[in-house]
Amino acid sequence: MRKIMSILSLFLLLQACQESGKEGETTKEEVQFFSLDSMPGRVTLNSKAANIVRDWREFNELETGFDALSTVANEEDLILVLEDLVEKQKRLEEGPYPVEFDIPQVKSRQKVMKTFIFKTRAAAEYRIDATAPAIEMIEAYNALRTQLNVIVNNTLDTELLIDE
């Protein structure tokens, strides 16, 4: 009986050592927090939209905030860039819009972008992988830029449509 108990305890001891060795291996791996390689490209503004946006100071500040994402080297940098994006987005939301872009379509896309900025910031602050929320944030930003292009290319007069 003693032999069986000693063999069983030796077996349990070996099993416990193997499990603790596996845990040490997983903690040594570095968790990737943000990958710039998988980020989508930025939608370019056409010439008409670029002329209107050129004088829109708040939007230009937001663009420089998105440019800063490419310089992120670690989690702290990402959190700082996202905090800056939140402030710039808030100024854009509260500031004056150009007459052509002061419509609900632009403002709704801006709110979606704001949501994904907050989502990315939360992922970065809780130290989870922020790549997926960052992709969504950039896609929302691209949707805003695409909407600006659509607005300046739209030649339909909405007043005529409403009157009929």
N, C-alpha and C. Protein backbone atom coordinates (compact mmCIF):
# COMPACT_ATOMS: atom_id res chain seq x y z
N MET A 1 0.82 -1.18 0.00
CA MET A 1 0.00 0.00 0.00
C MET A 1 0.87 1.26 0.00
N ARG A 2 1.99 1.20 0.75
CA ARG A 2 2.88 2.35 0.80
C ARG A 2 3.51 2.59 -0.57
N LYS A 3 3.83 1.53 -1.27
CA LYS A 3 4.43 1.68 -2.59
C LYS A 3 3.45 2.35 -3.56
N ILE A 4 2.21 1.95 -3.48
CA ILE A 4 1.18 2.53 -4.35
C ILE A 4 0.99 4.02 -4.03
N MET A 5 0.96 4.35 -2.74
CA MET A 5 0.78 5.75 -2.33
C MET A 5 1.99 6.59 -2.74
N SER A 6 3.18 6.06 -2.59
CA SER A 6 4.38 6.82 -2.96
C SER A 6 4.46 6.99 -4.48
N ILE A 7 4.09 5.99 -5.26
CA ILE A 7 4.08 6.11 -6.71
C ILE A 7 3.01 7.11 -7.15
N LEU A 8 1.85 7.05 -6.52
CA LEU A 8 0.77 7.99 -6.84
C LEU A 8 1.17 9.43 -6.50
N SER A 9 1.79 9.67 -5.37
CA SER A 9 2.21 11.02 -5.00
C SER A 9 3.33 11.52 -5.93
N LEU A 10 4.25 10.62 -6.33
CA LEU A 10 5.28 10.99 -7.28
C LEU A 10 4.67 11.37 -8.63
N PHE A 11 3.68 10.59 -9.06
CA PHE A 11 2.99 10.88 -10.31
C PHE A 11 2.28 12.24 -10.25
N LEU A 12 1.60 12.54 -9.15
CA LEU A 12 0.92 13.82 -8.99
C LEU A 12 1.91 14.98 -8.94
N LEU A 13 3.05 14.78 -8.32
CA LEU A 13 4.08 15.80 -8.25
C LEU A 13 4.62 16.12 -9.64
N LEU A 14 4.88 15.08 -10.43
CA LEU A 14 5.36 15.28 -11.80
C LEU A 14 4.31 16.00 -12.66
N GLN A 15 3.06 15.61 -12.48
CA GLN A 15 1.98 16.25 -13.23
C GLN A 15 1.86 17.73 -12.88
N ALA A 16 1.99 18.07 -11.62
CA ALA A 16 1.90 19.46 -11.18
C ALA A 16 3.07 20.28 -11.72
N CYS A 17 4.24 19.70 -11.76
CA CYS A 17 5.41 20.40 -12.29
C CYS A 17 5.25 20.68 -13.78
N GLN A 18 4.67 19.75 -14.51
CA GLN A 18 4.46 19.94 -15.94
C GLN A 18 3.45 21.06 -16.21
N GLU A 19 2.39 21.14 -15.42
CA GLU A 19 1.39 22.18 -15.62
C GLU A 19 1.94 23.55 -15.29
N SER A 20 2.75 23.66 -14.23
CA SER A 20 3.32 24.96 -13.89
C SER A 20 4.34 25.39 -14.93
N GLY A 21 5.02 24.47 -15.56
CA GLY A 21 5.94 24.81 -16.64
C GLY A 21 5.21 25.36 -17.84
N LYS A 22 4.03 24.85 -18.14
CA LYS A 22 3.24 25.34 -19.26
C LYS A 22 2.76 26.76 -19.00
N GLU A 23 2.38 27.07 -17.78
CA GLU A 23 1.92 28.42 -17.45
C GLU A 23 3.03 29.43 -17.61
N GLY A 24 4.24 29.08 -17.25
CA GLY A 24 5.38 29.97 -17.39
C GLY A 24 5.66 30.29 -18.84
N GLU A 25 5.43 29.34 -19.72
CA GLU A 25 5.69 29.57 -21.14
C GLU A 25 4.69 30.56 -21.72
N THR A 26 3.44 30.51 -21.33
CA THR A 26 2.43 31.42 -21.90
C THR A 26 2.63 32.85 -21.40
N THR A 27 3.12 33.04 -20.18
CA THR A 27 3.31 34.40 -19.69
C THR A 27 4.55 35.04 -20.29
N LYS A 28 5.48 34.24 -20.80
CA LYS A 28 6.69 34.81 -21.39
C LYS A 28 6.42 35.36 -22.78
N GLU A 29 5.38 34.89 -23.45
CA GLU A 29 5.06 35.39 -24.78
C GLU A 29 4.57 36.82 -24.68
N GLU A 30 5.02 37.65 -25.59
CA GLU A 30 4.59 39.03 -25.59
C GLU A 30 3.27 39.16 -26.34
N VAL A 31 2.30 39.77 -25.71
CA VAL A 31 1.00 39.95 -26.32
C VAL A 31 1.05 41.18 -27.22
N GLN A 32 0.63 41.01 -28.46
CA GLN A 32 0.63 42.12 -29.39
C GLN A 32 -0.61 42.97 -29.13
N PHE A 33 -0.40 44.27 -28.89
CA PHE A 33 -1.52 45.12 -28.52
C PHE A 33 -2.09 45.88 -29.71
N PHE A 34 -1.29 46.09 -30.75
CA PHE A 34 -1.74 46.94 -31.84
C PHE A 34 -0.87 46.66 -33.05
N SER A 35 -1.50 46.41 -34.17
CA SER A 35 -0.76 46.10 -35.38
C SER A 35 -1.14 47.09 -36.48
N LEU A 36 -0.16 47.84 -36.96
CA LEU A 36 -0.41 48.81 -38.03
C LEU A 36 -0.50 48.15 -39.39
N ASP A 37 0.02 46.93 -39.50
CA ASP A 37 0.05 46.26 -40.80
C ASP A 37 -1.35 45.97 -41.34
N SER A 38 -2.28 45.68 -40.46
CA SER A 38 -3.62 45.29 -40.91
C SER A 38 -4.59 46.47 -41.03
N MET A 39 -4.10 47.68 -40.81
CA MET A 39 -4.98 48.84 -40.88
C MET A 39 -5.35 49.16 -42.33
N PRO A 40 -6.61 49.50 -42.56
CA PRO A 40 -7.01 49.87 -43.93
C PRO A 40 -6.43 51.23 -44.30
N GLY A 41 -6.29 51.46 -45.60
CA GLY A 41 -5.80 52.75 -46.08
C GLY A 41 -6.86 53.82 -45.93
N ARG A 42 -6.43 55.05 -46.03
CA ARG A 42 -7.34 56.16 -45.88
C ARG A 42 -7.96 56.52 -47.23
N VAL A 43 -9.25 56.79 -47.24
CA VAL A 43 -9.96 57.21 -48.45
C VAL A 43 -9.52 58.64 -48.76
N THR A 44 -9.19 58.88 -50.00
CA THR A 44 -8.78 60.22 -50.39
C THR A 44 -9.99 61.08 -50.72
N LEU A 45 -9.89 62.34 -50.39
CA LEU A 45 -10.95 63.28 -50.72
C LEU A 45 -10.76 63.77 -52.15
N ASN A 46 -11.87 63.92 -52.87
CA ASN A 46 -11.75 64.46 -54.22
C ASN A 46 -11.47 65.96 -54.15
N SER A 47 -11.21 66.57 -55.28
CA SER A 47 -10.76 67.97 -55.28
C SER A 47 -11.81 68.93 -54.71
N LYS A 48 -13.09 68.69 -55.00
CA LYS A 48 -14.13 69.58 -54.48
C LYS A 48 -14.21 69.52 -52.96
N ALA A 49 -14.20 68.30 -52.43
CA ALA A 49 -14.27 68.14 -50.98
C ALA A 49 -12.99 68.67 -50.32
N ALA A 50 -11.84 68.45 -50.96
CA ALA A 50 -10.57 68.92 -50.40
C ALA A 50 -10.54 70.44 -50.31
N ASN A 51 -11.13 71.13 -51.30
CA ASN A 51 -11.18 72.59 -51.27
C ASN A 51 -12.04 73.09 -50.12
N ILE A 52 -13.14 72.41 -49.86
CA ILE A 52 -14.03 72.83 -48.77
C ILE A 52 -13.39 72.53 -47.42
N VAL A 53 -12.76 71.37 -47.30
CA VAL A 53 -12.17 70.92 -46.03
C VAL A 53 -10.91 71.71 -45.70
N ARG A 54 -10.25 72.26 -46.70
CA ARG A 54 -8.99 72.97 -46.48
C ARG A 54 -9.13 74.08 -45.43
N ASP A 55 -10.26 74.76 -45.40
CA ASP A 55 -10.48 75.84 -44.45
C ASP A 55 -11.18 75.39 -43.17
N TRP A 56 -11.48 74.11 -43.05
CA TRP A 56 -12.18 73.57 -41.88
C TRP A 56 -11.12 73.13 -40.87
N ARG A 57 -10.78 74.01 -39.96
CA ARG A 57 -9.67 73.82 -39.03
C ARG A 57 -9.85 72.58 -38.16
N GLU A 58 -11.04 72.36 -37.61
CA GLU A 58 -11.27 71.23 -36.71
C GLU A 58 -11.09 69.89 -37.43
N PHE A 59 -11.54 69.81 -38.67
CA PHE A 59 -11.38 68.57 -39.43
C PHE A 59 -9.91 68.31 -39.75
N ASN A 60 -9.18 69.35 -40.06
CA ASN A 60 -7.74 69.20 -40.33
C ASN A 60 -6.99 68.74 -39.09
N GLU A 61 -7.39 69.22 -37.91
CA GLU A 61 -6.78 68.76 -36.67
C GLU A 61 -7.08 67.28 -36.43
N LEU A 62 -8.30 66.85 -36.75
CA LEU A 62 -8.65 65.45 -36.61
C LEU A 62 -7.81 64.59 -37.55
N GLU A 63 -7.55 65.07 -38.75
CA GLU A 63 -6.72 64.33 -39.69
C GLU A 63 -5.30 64.16 -39.16
N THR A 64 -4.76 65.19 -38.53
CA THR A 64 -3.41 65.06 -37.95
C THR A 64 -3.42 64.07 -36.80
N GLY A 65 -4.53 63.97 -36.10
CA GLY A 65 -4.66 62.98 -35.03
C GLY A 65 -4.62 61.56 -35.59
N PHE A 66 -5.29 61.35 -36.72
CA PHE A 66 -5.25 60.03 -37.35
C PHE A 66 -3.87 59.75 -37.95
N ASP A 67 -3.17 60.79 -38.38
CA ASP A 67 -1.80 60.60 -38.87
C ASP A 67 -0.89 60.12 -37.74
N ALA A 68 -1.17 60.55 -36.52
CA ALA A 68 -0.34 60.17 -35.38
C ALA A 68 -0.46 58.68 -35.05
N LEU A 69 -1.51 58.02 -35.52
CA LEU A 69 -1.64 56.57 -35.27
C LEU A 69 -0.49 55.79 -35.89
N SER A 70 0.08 56.31 -36.96
CA SER A 70 1.17 55.59 -37.61
C SER A 70 2.47 55.67 -36.83
N THR A 71 2.56 56.53 -35.84
CA THR A 71 3.78 56.67 -35.05
C THR A 71 3.72 55.92 -33.73
N VAL A 72 2.64 55.18 -33.49
CA VAL A 72 2.46 54.49 -32.22
C VAL A 72 3.49 53.37 -32.08
N ALA A 73 4.20 53.36 -30.95
CA ALA A 73 5.22 52.34 -30.72
C ALA A 73 4.87 51.42 -29.56
N ASN A 74 4.07 51.88 -28.62
CA ASN A 74 3.71 51.04 -27.48
C ASN A 74 2.31 51.42 -26.98
N GLU A 75 1.87 50.73 -25.94
CA GLU A 75 0.51 50.93 -25.44
C GLU A 75 0.28 52.35 -24.92
N GLU A 76 1.27 52.91 -24.25
CA GLU A 76 1.12 54.25 -23.70
C GLU A 76 0.98 55.28 -24.80
N ASP A 77 1.75 55.12 -25.88
CA ASP A 77 1.62 56.02 -27.02
C ASP A 77 0.23 55.93 -27.63
N LEU A 78 -0.27 54.70 -27.74
CA LEU A 78 -1.60 54.51 -28.32
C LEU A 78 -2.66 55.20 -27.46
N ILE A 79 -2.57 55.05 -26.16
CA ILE A 79 -3.54 55.69 -25.27
C ILE A 79 -3.47 57.21 -25.40
N LEU A 80 -2.27 57.77 -25.49
CA LEU A 80 -2.13 59.22 -25.65
C LEU A 80 -2.71 59.71 -26.98
N VAL A 81 -2.44 58.96 -28.05
CA VAL A 81 -2.98 59.34 -29.36
C VAL A 81 -4.50 59.28 -29.35
N LEU A 82 -5.05 58.24 -28.71
CA LEU A 82 -6.51 58.11 -28.66
C LEU A 82 -7.14 59.20 -27.79
N GLU A 83 -6.48 59.59 -26.71
CA GLU A 83 -6.99 60.71 -25.90
C GLU A 83 -7.00 61.99 -26.72
N ASP A 84 -5.95 62.18 -27.52
CA ASP A 84 -5.88 63.35 -28.39
C ASP A 84 -7.00 63.30 -29.44
N LEU A 85 -7.26 62.11 -29.99
CA LEU A 85 -8.34 61.96 -30.96
C LEU A 85 -9.70 62.28 -30.35
N VAL A 86 -9.90 61.88 -29.11
CA VAL A 86 -11.17 62.18 -28.43
C VAL A 86 -11.36 63.69 -28.31
N GLU A 87 -10.30 64.39 -27.92
CA GLU A 87 -10.39 65.85 -27.77
C GLU A 87 -10.63 66.53 -29.13
N LYS A 88 -9.93 66.08 -30.14
CA LYS A 88 -10.10 66.68 -31.47
C LYS A 88 -11.47 66.39 -32.05
N GLN A 89 -11.97 65.19 -31.79
CA GLN A 89 -13.31 64.85 -32.26
C GLN A 89 -14.35 65.70 -31.54
N LYS A 90 -14.14 65.95 -30.26
CA LYS A 90 -15.06 66.78 -29.49
C LYS A 90 -15.08 68.21 -30.04
N ARG A 91 -13.90 68.74 -30.38
CA ARG A 91 -13.84 70.08 -30.97
C ARG A 91 -14.52 70.12 -32.33
N LEU A 92 -14.37 69.05 -33.11
CA LEU A 92 -15.03 68.98 -34.42
C LEU A 92 -16.54 68.97 -34.25
N GLU A 93 -17.01 68.22 -33.25
CA GLU A 93 -18.45 68.09 -33.01
C GLU A 93 -19.05 69.42 -32.56
N GLU A 94 -18.31 70.16 -31.73
CA GLU A 94 -18.83 71.41 -31.19
C GLU A 94 -18.57 72.61 -32.09
N GLY A 95 -17.60 72.50 -32.98
CA GLY A 95 -17.21 73.62 -33.83
C GLY A 95 -18.16 73.82 -35.00
N PRO A 96 -17.92 74.90 -35.74
CA PRO A 96 -18.76 75.18 -36.91
C PRO A 96 -18.42 74.26 -38.08
N TYR A 97 -19.44 73.88 -38.80
CA TYR A 97 -19.28 73.05 -39.99
C TYR A 97 -19.36 73.95 -41.22
N PRO A 98 -18.70 73.57 -42.30
CA PRO A 98 -18.94 74.29 -43.56
C PRO A 98 -20.40 74.11 -43.97
N VAL A 99 -20.94 75.03 -44.68
CA VAL A 99 -22.35 75.02 -45.05
C VAL A 99 -22.71 73.73 -45.79
N GLU A 100 -21.84 73.29 -46.67
CA GLU A 100 -22.12 72.09 -47.46
C GLU A 100 -22.19 70.83 -46.60
N PHE A 101 -21.44 70.82 -45.51
CA PHE A 101 -21.34 69.62 -44.68
C PHE A 101 -22.14 69.71 -43.38
N ASP A 102 -22.91 70.75 -43.20
CA ASP A 102 -23.71 70.91 -41.98
C ASP A 102 -25.05 70.21 -42.17
N ILE A 103 -24.98 68.89 -42.37
CA ILE A 103 -26.17 68.08 -42.62
C ILE A 103 -26.12 66.83 -41.74
N PRO A 104 -27.27 66.19 -41.52
CA PRO A 104 -27.31 65.02 -40.64
C PRO A 104 -26.45 63.84 -41.11
N GLN A 105 -26.26 63.67 -42.41
CA GLN A 105 -25.47 62.54 -42.90
C GLN A 105 -24.02 62.61 -42.40
N VAL A 106 -23.46 63.79 -42.38
CA VAL A 106 -22.08 63.97 -41.92
C VAL A 106 -22.02 63.81 -40.40
N LYS A 107 -22.97 64.41 -39.71
CA LYS A 107 -22.95 64.36 -38.25
C LYS A 107 -23.18 62.94 -37.72
N SER A 108 -24.00 62.15 -38.41
CA SER A 108 -24.23 60.77 -37.95
C SER A 108 -22.99 59.92 -38.14
N ARG A 109 -22.27 60.11 -39.24
CA ARG A 109 -21.04 59.36 -39.44
C ARG A 109 -19.96 59.78 -38.45
N GLN A 110 -20.01 61.03 -38.06
CA GLN A 110 -19.07 61.50 -37.05
C GLN A 110 -19.36 60.86 -35.70
N LYS A 111 -20.64 60.67 -35.38
CA LYS A 111 -20.99 60.02 -34.12
C LYS A 111 -20.55 58.55 -34.12
N VAL A 112 -20.67 57.90 -35.26
CA VAL A 112 -20.21 56.50 -35.36
C VAL A 112 -18.70 56.46 -35.16
N MET A 113 -17.99 57.39 -35.77
CA MET A 113 -16.54 57.45 -35.60
C MET A 113 -16.18 57.69 -34.13
N LYS A 114 -16.93 58.55 -33.47
CA LYS A 114 -16.70 58.84 -32.05
C LYS A 114 -16.87 57.57 -31.22
N THR A 115 -17.88 56.78 -31.54
CA THR A 115 -18.13 55.53 -30.82
C THR A 115 -16.93 54.59 -30.95
N PHE A 116 -16.40 54.46 -32.15
CA PHE A 116 -15.28 53.54 -32.35
C PHE A 116 -13.98 54.09 -31.78
N ILE A 117 -13.84 55.41 -31.68
CA ILE A 117 -12.67 55.97 -31.00
C ILE A 117 -12.73 55.58 -29.53
N PHE A 118 -13.91 55.69 -28.91
CA PHE A 118 -14.06 55.31 -27.51
C PHE A 118 -13.83 53.81 -27.32
N LYS A 119 -14.30 53.02 -28.26
CA LYS A 119 -14.12 51.57 -28.17
C LYS A 119 -12.63 51.21 -28.24
N THR A 120 -11.91 51.84 -29.14
CA THR A 120 -10.47 51.59 -29.26
C THR A 120 -9.73 52.06 -28.02
N ARG A 121 -10.13 53.20 -27.49
CA ARG A 121 -9.48 53.70 -26.28
C ARG A 121 -9.71 52.77 -25.10
N ALA A 122 -10.93 52.23 -24.99
CA ALA A 122 -11.22 51.30 -23.90
C ALA A 122 -10.38 50.03 -24.04
N ALA A 123 -10.24 49.53 -25.26
CA ALA A 123 -9.42 48.33 -25.47
C ALA A 123 -7.97 48.60 -25.10
N ALA A 124 -7.47 49.77 -25.44
CA ALA A 124 -6.08 50.10 -25.11
C ALA A 124 -5.89 50.27 -23.60
N GLU A 125 -6.86 50.89 -22.94
CA GLU A 125 -6.73 51.11 -21.50
C GLU A 125 -6.84 49.81 -20.71
N TYR A 126 -7.66 48.87 -21.19
CA TYR A 126 -7.79 47.58 -20.50
C TYR A 126 -6.74 46.58 -20.98
N ARG A 127 -5.82 47.04 -21.81
CA ARG A 127 -4.69 46.24 -22.27
C ARG A 127 -5.09 44.96 -22.99
N ILE A 128 -6.12 45.09 -23.82
CA ILE A 128 -6.48 43.97 -24.69
C ILE A 128 -6.12 44.39 -26.12
N ASP A 129 -6.13 43.45 -27.03
CA ASP A 129 -5.73 43.74 -28.41
C ASP A 129 -6.63 44.81 -29.01
N ALA A 130 -6.04 45.92 -29.39
CA ALA A 130 -6.81 47.06 -29.90
C ALA A 130 -6.84 47.10 -31.43
N THR A 131 -6.35 46.06 -32.08
CA THR A 131 -6.29 46.09 -33.54
C THR A 131 -7.68 46.08 -34.17
N ALA A 132 -8.55 45.17 -33.73
CA ALA A 132 -9.89 45.08 -34.32
C ALA A 132 -10.70 46.37 -34.11
N PRO A 133 -10.75 46.95 -32.89
CA PRO A 133 -11.47 48.22 -32.75
C PRO A 133 -10.82 49.36 -33.54
N ALA A 134 -9.50 49.33 -33.69
CA ALA A 134 -8.82 50.38 -34.46
C ALA A 134 -9.18 50.27 -35.94
N ILE A 135 -9.32 49.05 -36.43
CA ILE A 135 -9.74 48.87 -37.82
C ILE A 135 -11.14 49.42 -38.01
N GLU A 136 -12.04 49.13 -37.06
CA GLU A 136 -13.40 49.67 -37.13
C GLU A 136 -13.40 51.19 -37.07
N MET A 137 -12.52 51.76 -36.23
CA MET A 137 -12.42 53.21 -36.09
C MET A 137 -11.97 53.84 -37.41
N ILE A 138 -10.97 53.25 -38.06
CA ILE A 138 -10.48 53.80 -39.31
C ILE A 138 -11.52 53.62 -40.42
N GLU A 139 -12.25 52.51 -40.39
CA GLU A 139 -13.32 52.32 -41.37
C GLU A 139 -14.43 53.35 -41.19
N ALA A 140 -14.74 53.71 -39.94
CA ALA A 140 -15.73 54.75 -39.68
C ALA A 140 -15.22 56.11 -40.16
N TYR A 141 -13.94 56.37 -39.97
CA TYR A 141 -13.33 57.60 -40.46
C TYR A 141 -13.37 57.65 -41.98
N ASN A 142 -13.09 56.51 -42.62
CA ASN A 142 -13.18 56.43 -44.08
C ASN A 142 -14.61 56.64 -44.56
N ALA A 143 -15.59 56.14 -43.80
CA ALA A 143 -17.00 56.35 -44.17
C ALA A 143 -17.35 57.84 -44.11
N LEU A 144 -16.81 58.55 -43.13
CA LEU A 144 -17.02 60.00 -43.05
C LEU A 144 -16.42 60.70 -44.26
N ARG A 145 -15.21 60.32 -44.61
CA ARG A 145 -14.54 60.93 -45.77
C ARG A 145 -15.28 60.58 -47.07
N THR A 146 -15.77 59.36 -47.19
CA THR A 146 -16.54 58.96 -48.37
C THR A 146 -17.83 59.77 -48.46
N GLN A 147 -18.47 60.00 -47.32
CA GLN A 147 -19.70 60.80 -47.31
C GLN A 147 -19.43 62.23 -47.76
N LEU A 148 -18.29 62.78 -47.37
CA LEU A 148 -17.94 64.12 -47.84
C LEU A 148 -17.79 64.14 -49.36
N ASN A 149 -17.19 63.09 -49.90
CA ASN A 149 -17.06 62.99 -51.36
C ASN A 149 -18.42 62.87 -52.04
N VAL A 150 -19.30 62.08 -51.45
CA VAL A 150 -20.63 61.88 -52.03
C VAL A 150 -21.43 63.18 -52.03
N ILE A 151 -21.31 63.93 -50.96
CA ILE A 151 -22.07 65.17 -50.84
C ILE A 151 -21.66 66.17 -51.92
N VAL A 152 -20.38 66.34 -52.14
CA VAL A 152 -19.95 67.32 -53.14
C VAL A 152 -20.19 66.82 -54.56
N ASN A 153 -20.30 65.52 -54.76
CA ASN A 153 -20.56 64.98 -56.10
C ASN A 153 -22.06 64.89 -56.41
N ASN A 154 -22.91 65.04 -55.40
CA ASN A 154 -24.35 64.94 -55.58
C ASN A 154 -24.85 66.20 -56.28
N THR A 155 -25.43 66.02 -57.45
CA THR A 155 -25.92 67.17 -58.21
C THR A 155 -27.43 67.33 -58.13
N LEU A 156 -28.10 66.45 -57.41
CA LEU A 156 -29.56 66.55 -57.27
C LEU A 156 -29.92 67.68 -56.33
N ASP A 157 -30.92 68.43 -56.68
CA ASP A 157 -31.39 69.50 -55.82
C ASP A 157 -32.47 68.91 -54.90
N THR A 158 -32.19 68.85 -53.61
CA THR A 158 -33.13 68.25 -52.67
C THR A 158 -34.39 69.09 -52.51
N GLU A 159 -34.30 70.40 -52.73
CA GLU A 159 -35.49 71.25 -52.63
C GLU A 159 -36.51 70.88 -53.69
N LEU A 160 -36.07 70.55 -54.88
CA LEU A 160 -36.97 70.15 -55.94
C LEU A 160 -37.66 68.81 -55.60
N LEU A 161 -36.91 67.91 -54.99
CA LEU A 161 -37.47 66.62 -54.60
C LEU A 161 -38.50 66.78 -53.48
N ILE A 162 -38.25 67.69 -52.58
CA ILE A 162 -39.16 67.90 -51.45
C ILE A 162 -40.46 68.57 -51.93
N ASP A 163 -40.34 69.50 -52.86
CA ASP A 163 -41.52 70.23 -53.36
C ASP A 163 -42.48 69.30 -54.10
N GLU A 164 -41.99 68.30 -54.77
CA GLU A 164 -42.86 67.41 -55.54
C GLU A 164 -43.37 66.37 -54.66
